[in-house]
């Protein structure tokens, strides 16, 4: 508490006595004669004090004792402050109140704004903050006719911003009836990882896998599932996660394992485990055309027709010495594409293969063309028909061959 006065004598005092009541430890304070103020520390909180001042001059002269002045000390400040980040934009502050009859509380962000609460609360959530930022706070309260001093400062850090959800979830490859590869785009820059769940048929989504950080924002993340059941339908969903948040779920397209026809279902002399490189809907008869090759290197490819349930497979045609990888509808039938199994001529060249088949089963024409540069056997060629023209494209090259026959 600060006490001030004015000396009114003609001469300067040589000694000033200040009397304080309640006296507590020291009821009289001796000051230099030129003193006109004094700060009393360590007083009891919320206590009325009475003060008087007496000045002494040379020659044992002194003034009359001053009039009595009263002062009320502030309330004891809040203690036991705690601050905790609770969101990317807010921090919760808690404290202990050390007074009765509190009517209003103020919580101040150091070098910032102040929140005033007209209740005797002992906790406050401070909003409007920035993610991953350190903030300091202090608290005081008010009663009828009195207030506390500010508390000591307390600091905390806000949470990270919620991660962005992935996008562009797609099925990349169906390797077999038991093996699929999927990928999605990572749009987050502060994620700790990605949670993937899987649902089989009409079941519930269940945790399937957790991936760690992918890398830079905008990169694609991929994963594989090698535990599919032939004839089942699967759906996956993924969300990005950080220390405190997770994004919304992103669901994949359905994965129909019936699109992959098991090689051993057909009368081929092969120990291959799976079959199927491309599929197209049969709008005329219903079901699907499936084209593929034996992956064990015997150079046998086949065109198969299956019904809408992936059953009742019928081998329409086999082609030896050609890796068939792609299929599309063409006129009243289909067109298939791939590449010759054995390089013909120079090793710097590969020969692409394309053939058409009518709905009555007649193979009407085969084509081949030279592609400069080696093609790996696992690189897929695509084939499309546009306005009656056949296009077949090696995906590993910027190259298109066209035939309008």
Protein backbone atom coordinates (compact mmCIF):
# COMPACT_ATOMS: atom_id res chain seq x y z
CA UNK A 1 0.00 0.00 0.00
CA UNK A 2 1.40 3.44 -0.93
CA UNK A 3 1.05 6.29 1.60
CA UNK A 4 1.80 9.91 0.57
CA UNK A 5 1.74 13.24 2.43
CA UNK A 6 2.90 16.85 2.21
CA UNK A 7 5.21 18.57 4.70
CA UNK A 8 3.76 21.99 5.58
CA UNK A 9 6.42 23.36 7.99
CA UNK A 10 8.58 26.41 7.27
CA UNK A 11 11.73 24.34 7.67
CA UNK A 12 12.61 20.95 6.29
CA UNK A 13 11.94 18.08 8.69
CA UNK A 14 14.87 16.08 9.94
CA UNK A 15 12.79 13.01 10.79
CA UNK A 16 9.41 11.59 9.81
CA UNK A 17 7.55 9.00 11.85
CA UNK A 18 4.71 7.02 10.29
CA UNK A 19 2.35 5.19 12.64
CA UNK A 20 0.44 2.17 11.29
CA UNK A 21 -2.41 0.30 12.90
CA UNK A 22 -2.90 -2.63 13.17
CA UNK A 23 0.74 -2.56 14.15
CA UNK A 24 1.51 -6.20 13.18
CA UNK A 25 5.30 -6.53 13.23
CA UNK A 26 6.20 -2.82 13.22
CA UNK A 27 3.84 -0.02 14.12
CA UNK A 28 6.28 2.86 13.66
CA UNK A 29 8.41 3.53 10.58
CA UNK A 30 11.31 6.08 10.75
CA UNK A 31 12.05 7.94 7.50
CA UNK A 32 14.40 10.65 6.32
CA UNK A 33 13.16 14.18 6.81
CA UNK A 34 12.65 14.85 3.11
CA UNK A 35 10.35 11.80 2.64
CA UNK A 36 6.81 12.44 1.46
CA UNK A 37 5.75 8.87 0.54
CA UNK A 38 6.26 5.30 1.65
CA UNK A 39 5.20 1.94 0.30
CA UNK A 40 4.11 -0.66 2.82
CA UNK A 41 4.66 -4.23 1.64
CA UNK A 42 3.69 -7.59 3.08
CA UNK A 43 0.42 -6.32 4.52
CA UNK A 44 -2.42 -8.65 5.18
CA UNK A 45 -4.83 -8.91 2.23
CA UNK A 46 -8.30 -7.39 2.43
CA UNK A 47 -7.44 -5.51 5.66
CA UNK A 48 -8.17 -1.92 6.72
CA UNK A 49 -5.10 0.00 7.94
CA UNK A 50 -4.90 3.39 9.75
CA UNK A 51 -1.94 5.71 9.21
CA UNK A 52 -0.69 8.94 10.89
CA UNK A 53 2.42 11.02 10.14
CA UNK A 54 4.53 13.16 12.50
CA UNK A 55 7.44 15.39 11.39
CA UNK A 56 10.38 16.46 13.61
CA UNK A 57 12.44 19.62 13.06
CA UNK A 58 15.66 21.04 14.45
CA UNK A 59 15.58 22.15 18.06
CA UNK A 60 13.35 19.29 19.15
CA UNK A 61 10.40 20.87 17.43
CA UNK A 62 7.72 18.66 15.80
CA UNK A 63 4.44 19.03 14.02
CA UNK A 64 1.12 17.95 15.22
CA UNK A 65 0.19 14.41 14.31
CA UNK A 66 -1.55 14.33 10.95
CA UNK A 67 -5.13 13.40 10.50
CA UNK A 68 -5.86 9.71 10.36
CA UNK A 69 -6.02 8.17 6.88
CA UNK A 70 -7.43 4.72 6.16
CA UNK A 71 -6.62 2.27 3.42
CA UNK A 72 -7.88 -1.17 2.41
CA UNK A 73 -5.39 -3.67 1.00
CA UNK A 74 -6.25 -5.68 -2.09
CA UNK A 75 -7.50 -9.19 -1.98
CA UNK A 76 -5.01 -12.04 -2.09
CA UNK A 77 -4.34 -12.81 -5.78
CA UNK A 78 -5.28 -16.08 -7.46
CA UNK A 79 -2.73 -18.87 -7.04
CA UNK A 80 -1.97 -22.33 -8.39
CA UNK A 81 -2.46 -21.20 -11.98
CA UNK A 82 -2.44 -23.89 -14.70
CA UNK A 83 -2.70 -23.41 -18.46
CA UNK A 84 -3.32 -26.21 -20.95
CA UNK A 85 -3.78 -26.20 -24.70
CA UNK A 86 -7.18 -27.72 -25.54
CA UNK A 87 -7.54 -26.91 -29.26
CA UNK A 88 -5.72 -25.30 -32.14
CA UNK A 89 -7.34 -21.96 -31.25
CA UNK A 90 -7.83 -22.02 -27.47
CA UNK A 91 -6.15 -22.61 -24.10
CA UNK A 92 -7.83 -23.47 -20.79
CA UNK A 93 -6.63 -21.53 -17.71
CA UNK A 94 -7.47 -22.72 -14.18
CA UNK A 95 -6.59 -21.19 -10.79
CA UNK A 96 -7.40 -21.15 -7.08
CA UNK A 97 -9.54 -18.31 -5.73
CA UNK A 98 -8.30 -16.90 -2.40
CA UNK A 99 -11.18 -14.59 -1.51
CA UNK A 100 -14.86 -14.68 -0.65
CA UNK A 101 -17.62 -12.76 -2.39
CA UNK A 102 -15.99 -12.66 -5.82
CA UNK A 103 -18.28 -10.97 -8.35
CA UNK A 104 -16.10 -10.64 -11.44
CA UNK A 105 -12.97 -12.28 -12.83
CA UNK A 106 -10.59 -10.94 -15.46
CA UNK A 107 -8.27 -13.19 -17.50
CA UNK A 108 -5.67 -11.30 -19.50
CA UNK A 109 -3.51 -12.55 -22.34
CA UNK A 110 -0.12 -10.91 -21.88
CA UNK A 111 0.33 -8.35 -24.65
CA UNK A 112 -3.21 -9.13 -25.78
CA UNK A 113 -6.86 -8.85 -24.92
CA UNK A 114 -8.71 -9.45 -21.64
CA UNK A 115 -11.78 -11.58 -20.93
CA UNK A 116 -14.14 -10.41 -18.17
CA UNK A 117 -16.45 -12.99 -16.53
CA UNK A 118 -19.23 -11.86 -14.19
CA UNK A 119 -19.14 -15.01 -12.06
CA UNK A 120 -16.85 -16.42 -9.31
CA UNK A 121 -15.31 -18.95 -11.71
CA UNK A 122 -11.98 -20.70 -11.31
CA UNK A 123 -11.44 -21.76 -14.92
CA UNK A 124 -11.67 -20.13 -18.33
CA UNK A 125 -11.23 -21.20 -21.94
CA UNK A 126 -9.43 -18.45 -23.85
CA UNK A 127 -10.40 -18.53 -27.59
CA UNK A 128 -9.26 -16.82 -30.78
CA UNK A 129 -5.63 -18.02 -30.71
CA UNK A 130 -3.26 -19.25 -33.42
CA UNK A 131 -2.19 -22.91 -33.81
CA UNK A 132 1.11 -24.10 -32.30
CA UNK A 133 1.75 -20.76 -30.57
CA UNK A 134 2.94 -20.03 -27.02
CA UNK A 135 0.75 -17.70 -24.92
CA UNK A 136 0.98 -16.31 -21.36
CA UNK A 137 -1.92 -15.31 -19.10
CA UNK A 138 -2.66 -13.78 -15.70
CA UNK A 139 -5.83 -13.53 -13.58
CA UNK A 140 -7.39 -11.16 -11.04
CA UNK A 141 -10.84 -10.84 -9.47
CA UNK A 142 -13.14 -8.24 -7.97
CA UNK A 143 -15.52 -8.11 -5.01
CA UNK A 144 -17.85 -5.38 -3.87
CA UNK A 145 -15.47 -2.50 -3.25
CA UNK A 146 -12.19 -4.37 -3.61
CA UNK A 147 -10.01 -6.31 -6.04
CA UNK A 148 -7.01 -8.58 -6.09
CA UNK A 149 -3.62 -7.99 -7.58
CA UNK A 150 -2.74 -9.80 -10.80
CA UNK A 151 -1.63 -13.37 -10.37
CA UNK A 152 1.71 -14.65 -11.56
CA UNK A 153 1.92 -15.44 -15.28
CA UNK A 154 1.23 -18.92 -16.64
CA UNK A 155 1.99 -20.18 -20.17
CA UNK A 156 0.82 -22.90 -22.57
CA UNK A 157 0.90 -23.79 -26.27
CA UNK A 158 -2.08 -24.27 -28.58
CA UNK A 159 -2.54 -27.52 -30.52
CA UNK A 160 -1.61 -28.01 -34.14
CA UNK A 161 -4.19 -27.19 -36.82
CA UNK A 162 -6.39 -30.16 -37.89
CA UNK A 163 -4.87 -32.05 -40.85
CA UNK A 164 -6.47 -31.84 -44.26
CA UNK A 165 -8.36 -34.92 -45.40
CA UNK A 166 -6.91 -37.14 -48.17
CA UNK A 167 -8.44 -37.01 -51.65
CA UNK A 168 -8.41 -39.02 -54.88
CA UNK A 169 -8.77 -42.48 -53.32
CA UNK A 170 -8.54 -45.02 -56.12
CA UNK A 171 -7.94 -48.66 -56.90
CA UNK A 172 -4.66 -48.90 -58.82
CA UNK A 173 -4.35 -52.62 -59.58
CA UNK A 174 -6.12 -55.90 -58.98
CA UNK A 175 -3.25 -58.34 -59.05
CA UNK A 176 -5.38 -61.36 -58.22
CA UNK A 177 -8.56 -62.39 -56.46
CA UNK A 178 -6.64 -61.96 -53.19
CA UNK A 179 -4.43 -58.96 -53.89
CA UNK A 180 -5.30 -55.31 -54.58
CA UNK A 181 -3.31 -52.08 -54.61
CA UNK A 182 -4.89 -48.72 -53.70
CA UNK A 183 -3.63 -45.17 -53.32
CA UNK A 184 -4.75 -41.72 -52.18
CA UNK A 185 -3.39 -38.18 -52.21
CA UNK A 186 -1.88 -36.74 -49.04
CA UNK A 187 -3.10 -33.14 -48.53
CA UNK A 188 -1.89 -32.66 -44.94
CA UNK A 189 1.36 -31.03 -43.85
CA UNK A 190 1.33 -31.77 -40.10
CA UNK A 191 -0.06 -35.28 -39.92
CA UNK A 192 1.46 -38.06 -37.85
CA UNK A 193 -0.01 -40.72 -40.13
CA UNK A 194 -3.07 -42.18 -41.83
CA UNK A 195 -5.62 -44.63 -40.46
CA UNK A 196 -7.13 -47.07 -42.96
CA UNK A 197 -10.24 -49.17 -42.34
CA UNK A 198 -11.75 -51.93 -44.46
CA UNK A 199 -15.29 -53.24 -44.85
CA UNK A 200 -16.15 -56.60 -46.42
CA UNK A 201 -19.55 -56.87 -48.14
CA UNK A 202 -22.20 -55.35 -45.80
CA UNK A 203 -20.11 -55.60 -42.63
CA UNK A 204 -18.80 -52.80 -40.45
CA UNK A 205 -15.61 -50.88 -41.12
CA UNK A 206 -12.73 -52.22 -39.06
CA UNK A 207 -9.18 -50.98 -38.56
CA UNK A 208 -6.98 -52.39 -41.30
CA UNK A 209 -3.69 -50.50 -41.27
CA UNK A 210 -1.96 -47.36 -39.99
CA UNK A 211 0.53 -45.64 -42.28
CA UNK A 212 3.17 -43.20 -41.05
CA UNK A 213 3.94 -39.83 -42.55
CA UNK A 214 4.09 -39.97 -46.34
CA UNK A 215 6.38 -37.05 -47.11
CA UNK A 216 5.58 -33.73 -48.70
CA UNK A 217 2.05 -32.45 -49.01
CA UNK A 218 0.51 -33.44 -52.35
CA UNK A 219 2.31 -36.78 -52.69
CA UNK A 220 0.42 -40.03 -53.22
CA UNK A 221 0.40 -42.80 -50.66
CA UNK A 222 -0.23 -46.41 -51.61
CA UNK A 223 -0.90 -49.65 -49.79
CA UNK A 224 -1.83 -53.23 -50.68
CA UNK A 225 -4.30 -55.76 -49.35
CA UNK A 226 -3.33 -59.38 -49.97
CA UNK A 227 -6.16 -60.95 -47.94
CA UNK A 228 -9.17 -60.63 -50.26
CA UNK A 229 -11.74 -63.40 -50.52
CA UNK A 230 -12.83 -64.34 -54.02
CA UNK A 231 -16.43 -63.25 -54.62
CA UNK A 232 -16.47 -60.55 -51.90
CA UNK A 233 -16.85 -56.81 -52.25
CA UNK A 234 -14.54 -54.54 -50.27
CA UNK A 235 -14.53 -50.86 -49.48
CA UNK A 236 -11.77 -48.91 -47.76
CA UNK A 237 -11.69 -45.55 -46.05
CA UNK A 238 -8.79 -43.41 -44.90
CA UNK A 239 -8.32 -40.34 -42.72
CA UNK A 240 -5.26 -38.31 -41.77
CA UNK A 241 -4.35 -38.08 -38.09
CA UNK A 242 -2.21 -35.73 -36.03
CA UNK A 243 -1.38 -35.67 -32.32
CA UNK A 244 -4.78 -34.24 -31.34
CA UNK A 245 -6.97 -34.33 -34.46
CA UNK A 246 -8.13 -36.51 -37.31
CA UNK A 247 -9.72 -35.50 -40.61
CA UNK A 248 -13.01 -36.71 -42.07
CA UNK A 249 -13.03 -40.15 -43.67
CA UNK A 250 -12.47 -40.57 -47.40
CA UNK A 251 -13.96 -43.74 -48.90
CA UNK A 252 -12.56 -45.70 -51.82
CA UNK A 253 -14.54 -47.12 -54.73
CA UNK A 254 -15.77 -50.66 -54.23
CA UNK A 255 -13.22 -53.38 -54.88
CA UNK A 256 -14.96 -56.31 -56.54
CA UNK A 257 -12.74 -59.36 -56.28
CA UNK A 258 -15.06 -61.10 -58.78
CA UNK A 259 -13.45 -58.96 -61.50
CA UNK A 260 -10.34 -61.13 -61.15
CA UNK A 261 -10.88 -64.62 -62.55
CA UNK A 262 -8.77 -67.35 -61.02
CA UNK A 263 -6.60 -69.03 -63.62
CA UNK A 264 -7.09 -72.50 -62.15
CA UNK A 265 -10.81 -72.30 -62.86
CA UNK A 266 -10.07 -72.90 -66.52
CA UNK A 267 -8.47 -75.89 -68.27
CA UNK A 268 -4.96 -74.52 -68.71
CA UNK A 269 -1.77 -76.41 -68.03
CA UNK A 270 -0.33 -73.72 -65.78
CA UNK A 271 0.60 -73.37 -62.12
CA UNK A 272 -0.28 -69.66 -62.12
CA UNK A 273 -2.27 -68.44 -59.12
CA UNK A 274 -4.26 -65.73 -60.77
CA UNK A 275 -5.47 -64.25 -64.00
CA UNK A 276 -6.87 -60.94 -65.22
CA UNK A 277 -5.37 -57.72 -66.54
CA UNK A 278 -8.39 -55.77 -67.80
CA UNK A 279 -12.18 -56.00 -67.80
CA UNK A 280 -15.03 -54.42 -69.76
CA UNK A 281 -18.82 -54.67 -69.46
CA UNK A 282 -20.66 -56.73 -72.07
CA UNK A 283 -23.66 -54.57 -72.93
CA UNK A 284 -25.08 -57.12 -75.35
CA UNK A 285 -25.19 -60.35 -73.32
CA UNK A 286 -24.55 -58.97 -69.82
CA UNK A 287 -21.59 -59.86 -67.66
CA UNK A 288 -17.98 -59.02 -68.38
CA UNK A 289 -15.18 -59.70 -70.82
CA UNK A 290 -11.90 -60.36 -69.05
CA UNK A 291 -8.52 -60.50 -70.75
CA UNK A 292 -5.20 -61.54 -69.28
CA UNK A 293 -2.12 -63.66 -69.51
CA UNK A 294 -0.44 -66.40 -67.59
CA UNK A 295 2.06 -64.71 -65.27
CA UNK A 296 4.30 -67.76 -65.09
CA UNK A 297 5.97 -66.95 -68.39
CA UNK A 298 4.47 -69.58 -70.69
CA UNK A 299 3.26 -66.87 -73.10
CA UNK A 300 -0.41 -67.94 -73.00
CA UNK A 301 -3.15 -65.29 -72.97
CA UNK A 302 -6.91 -65.70 -73.04
CA UNK A 303 -10.19 -63.86 -73.53
CA UNK A 304 -12.87 -64.99 -71.06
CA UNK A 305 -16.54 -64.15 -70.58
CA UNK A 306 -18.09 -64.30 -67.08
CA UNK A 307 -21.57 -63.51 -65.79
CA UNK A 308 -22.51 -60.62 -63.51
CA UNK A 309 -21.56 -62.62 -60.42
CA UNK A 310 -18.11 -63.46 -61.69
CA UNK A 311 -19.08 -67.10 -62.22
CA UNK A 312 -19.64 -69.41 -65.18
CA UNK A 313 -16.49 -68.43 -66.97
CA UNK A 314 -16.25 -69.28 -70.65
CA UNK A 315 -12.94 -69.24 -72.51
CA UNK A 316 -13.64 -67.46 -75.80
CA UNK A 317 -10.16 -67.54 -77.28
CA UNK A 318 -6.55 -68.23 -76.34
CA UNK A 319 -3.51 -66.60 -77.90
CA UNK A 320 -0.04 -68.03 -77.47
CA UNK A 321 3.12 -65.98 -77.68
CA UNK A 322 1.30 -62.73 -76.85
CA UNK A 323 0.85 -60.94 -73.50
CA UNK A 324 -2.70 -59.58 -73.59
CA UNK A 325 -3.15 -56.71 -71.15
CA UNK A 326 -6.07 -54.57 -72.31
CA UNK A 327 -9.60 -54.89 -73.69
CA UNK A 328 -12.39 -52.61 -74.92
CA UNK A 329 -15.65 -52.88 -76.84
CA UNK A 330 -15.36 -52.59 -80.61
CA UNK A 331 -18.36 -52.46 -82.95
CA UNK A 332 -20.36 -55.62 -82.19
CA UNK A 333 -17.46 -57.31 -80.44
CA UNK A 334 -14.26 -56.50 -78.63
CA UNK A 335 -10.69 -55.40 -79.26
CA UNK A 336 -7.71 -56.64 -77.25
CA UNK A 337 -4.12 -55.36 -77.00
CA UNK A 338 -0.79 -56.40 -75.61
CA UNK A 339 2.70 -57.15 -76.88
CA UNK A 340 4.55 -60.07 -78.39
CA UNK A 341 6.21 -62.28 -75.82
CA UNK A 342 9.52 -62.62 -77.70
CA UNK A 343 11.26 -59.55 -79.15
CA UNK A 344 11.35 -59.71 -82.93
CA UNK A 345 14.43 -58.26 -84.62
CA UNK A 346 16.61 -55.79 -82.81
CA UNK A 347 16.54 -55.73 -79.03
CA UNK A 348 15.86 -52.01 -79.23
CA UNK A 349 12.38 -52.72 -80.59
CA UNK A 350 9.26 -54.41 -79.26
CA UNK A 351 6.19 -55.30 -81.28
CA UNK A 352 2.76 -54.25 -80.02
CA UNK A 353 -0.19 -56.56 -80.71
CA UNK A 354 -3.84 -55.70 -81.31
CA UNK A 355 -6.69 -57.96 -82.39
CA UNK A 356 -10.47 -57.72 -82.81
CA UNK A 357 -13.17 -60.32 -82.25
CA UNK A 358 -16.81 -60.23 -83.36
CA UNK A 359 -19.67 -61.23 -81.07
CA UNK A 360 -20.06 -64.47 -83.06
CA UNK A 361 -16.51 -65.42 -82.13
CA UNK A 362 -14.83 -64.70 -85.44
CA UNK A 363 -11.42 -63.05 -85.23
CA UNK A 364 -11.64 -60.54 -88.04
CA UNK A 365 -8.24 -58.89 -87.94
CA UNK A 366 -4.90 -58.74 -86.15
CA UNK A 367 -2.45 -55.84 -86.17
CA UNK A 368 1.09 -55.30 -84.99
CA UNK A 369 3.39 -52.31 -84.94
CA UNK A 370 6.95 -51.53 -83.92
CA UNK A 371 7.59 -49.65 -80.67
CA UNK A 372 11.07 -48.27 -80.13
CA UNK A 373 12.41 -49.01 -76.65
CA UNK A 374 12.02 -52.12 -74.53
CA UNK A 375 8.71 -52.75 -72.80
CA UNK A 376 8.77 -54.63 -69.51
CA UNK A 377 6.36 -57.57 -69.43
CA UNK A 378 4.52 -55.98 -66.50
CA UNK A 379 3.97 -52.65 -68.24
CA UNK A 380 0.30 -52.54 -69.27
CA UNK A 381 -0.81 -51.47 -72.71
CA UNK A 382 -4.21 -49.84 -72.97
CA UNK A 383 -6.63 -49.99 -75.88
CA UNK A 384 -9.59 -47.73 -76.66
CA UNK A 385 -12.03 -47.29 -79.52
CA UNK A 386 -13.16 -43.79 -80.43
CA UNK A 387 -15.64 -43.25 -83.28
CA UNK A 388 -14.79 -46.65 -84.76
CA UNK A 389 -11.02 -46.08 -84.62
CA UNK A 390 -8.78 -48.32 -82.53
CA UNK A 391 -6.02 -46.75 -80.44
CA UNK A 392 -3.52 -48.85 -78.49
CA UNK A 393 -1.09 -47.13 -76.13
CA UNK A 394 1.99 -48.31 -74.23
CA UNK A 395 1.63 -46.52 -70.92
CA UNK A 396 5.35 -46.36 -70.43
CA UNK A 397 5.85 -44.32 -73.63
CA UNK A 398 4.44 -41.17 -75.11
CA UNK A 399 3.31 -42.98 -78.22
CA UNK A 400 0.01 -43.79 -79.91
CA UNK A 401 -0.61 -46.16 -82.82
CA UNK A 402 -3.83 -45.81 -84.78
CA UNK A 403 -5.59 -48.15 -87.16
CA UNK A 404 -9.00 -47.39 -88.63
CA UNK A 405 -9.52 -50.83 -90.23
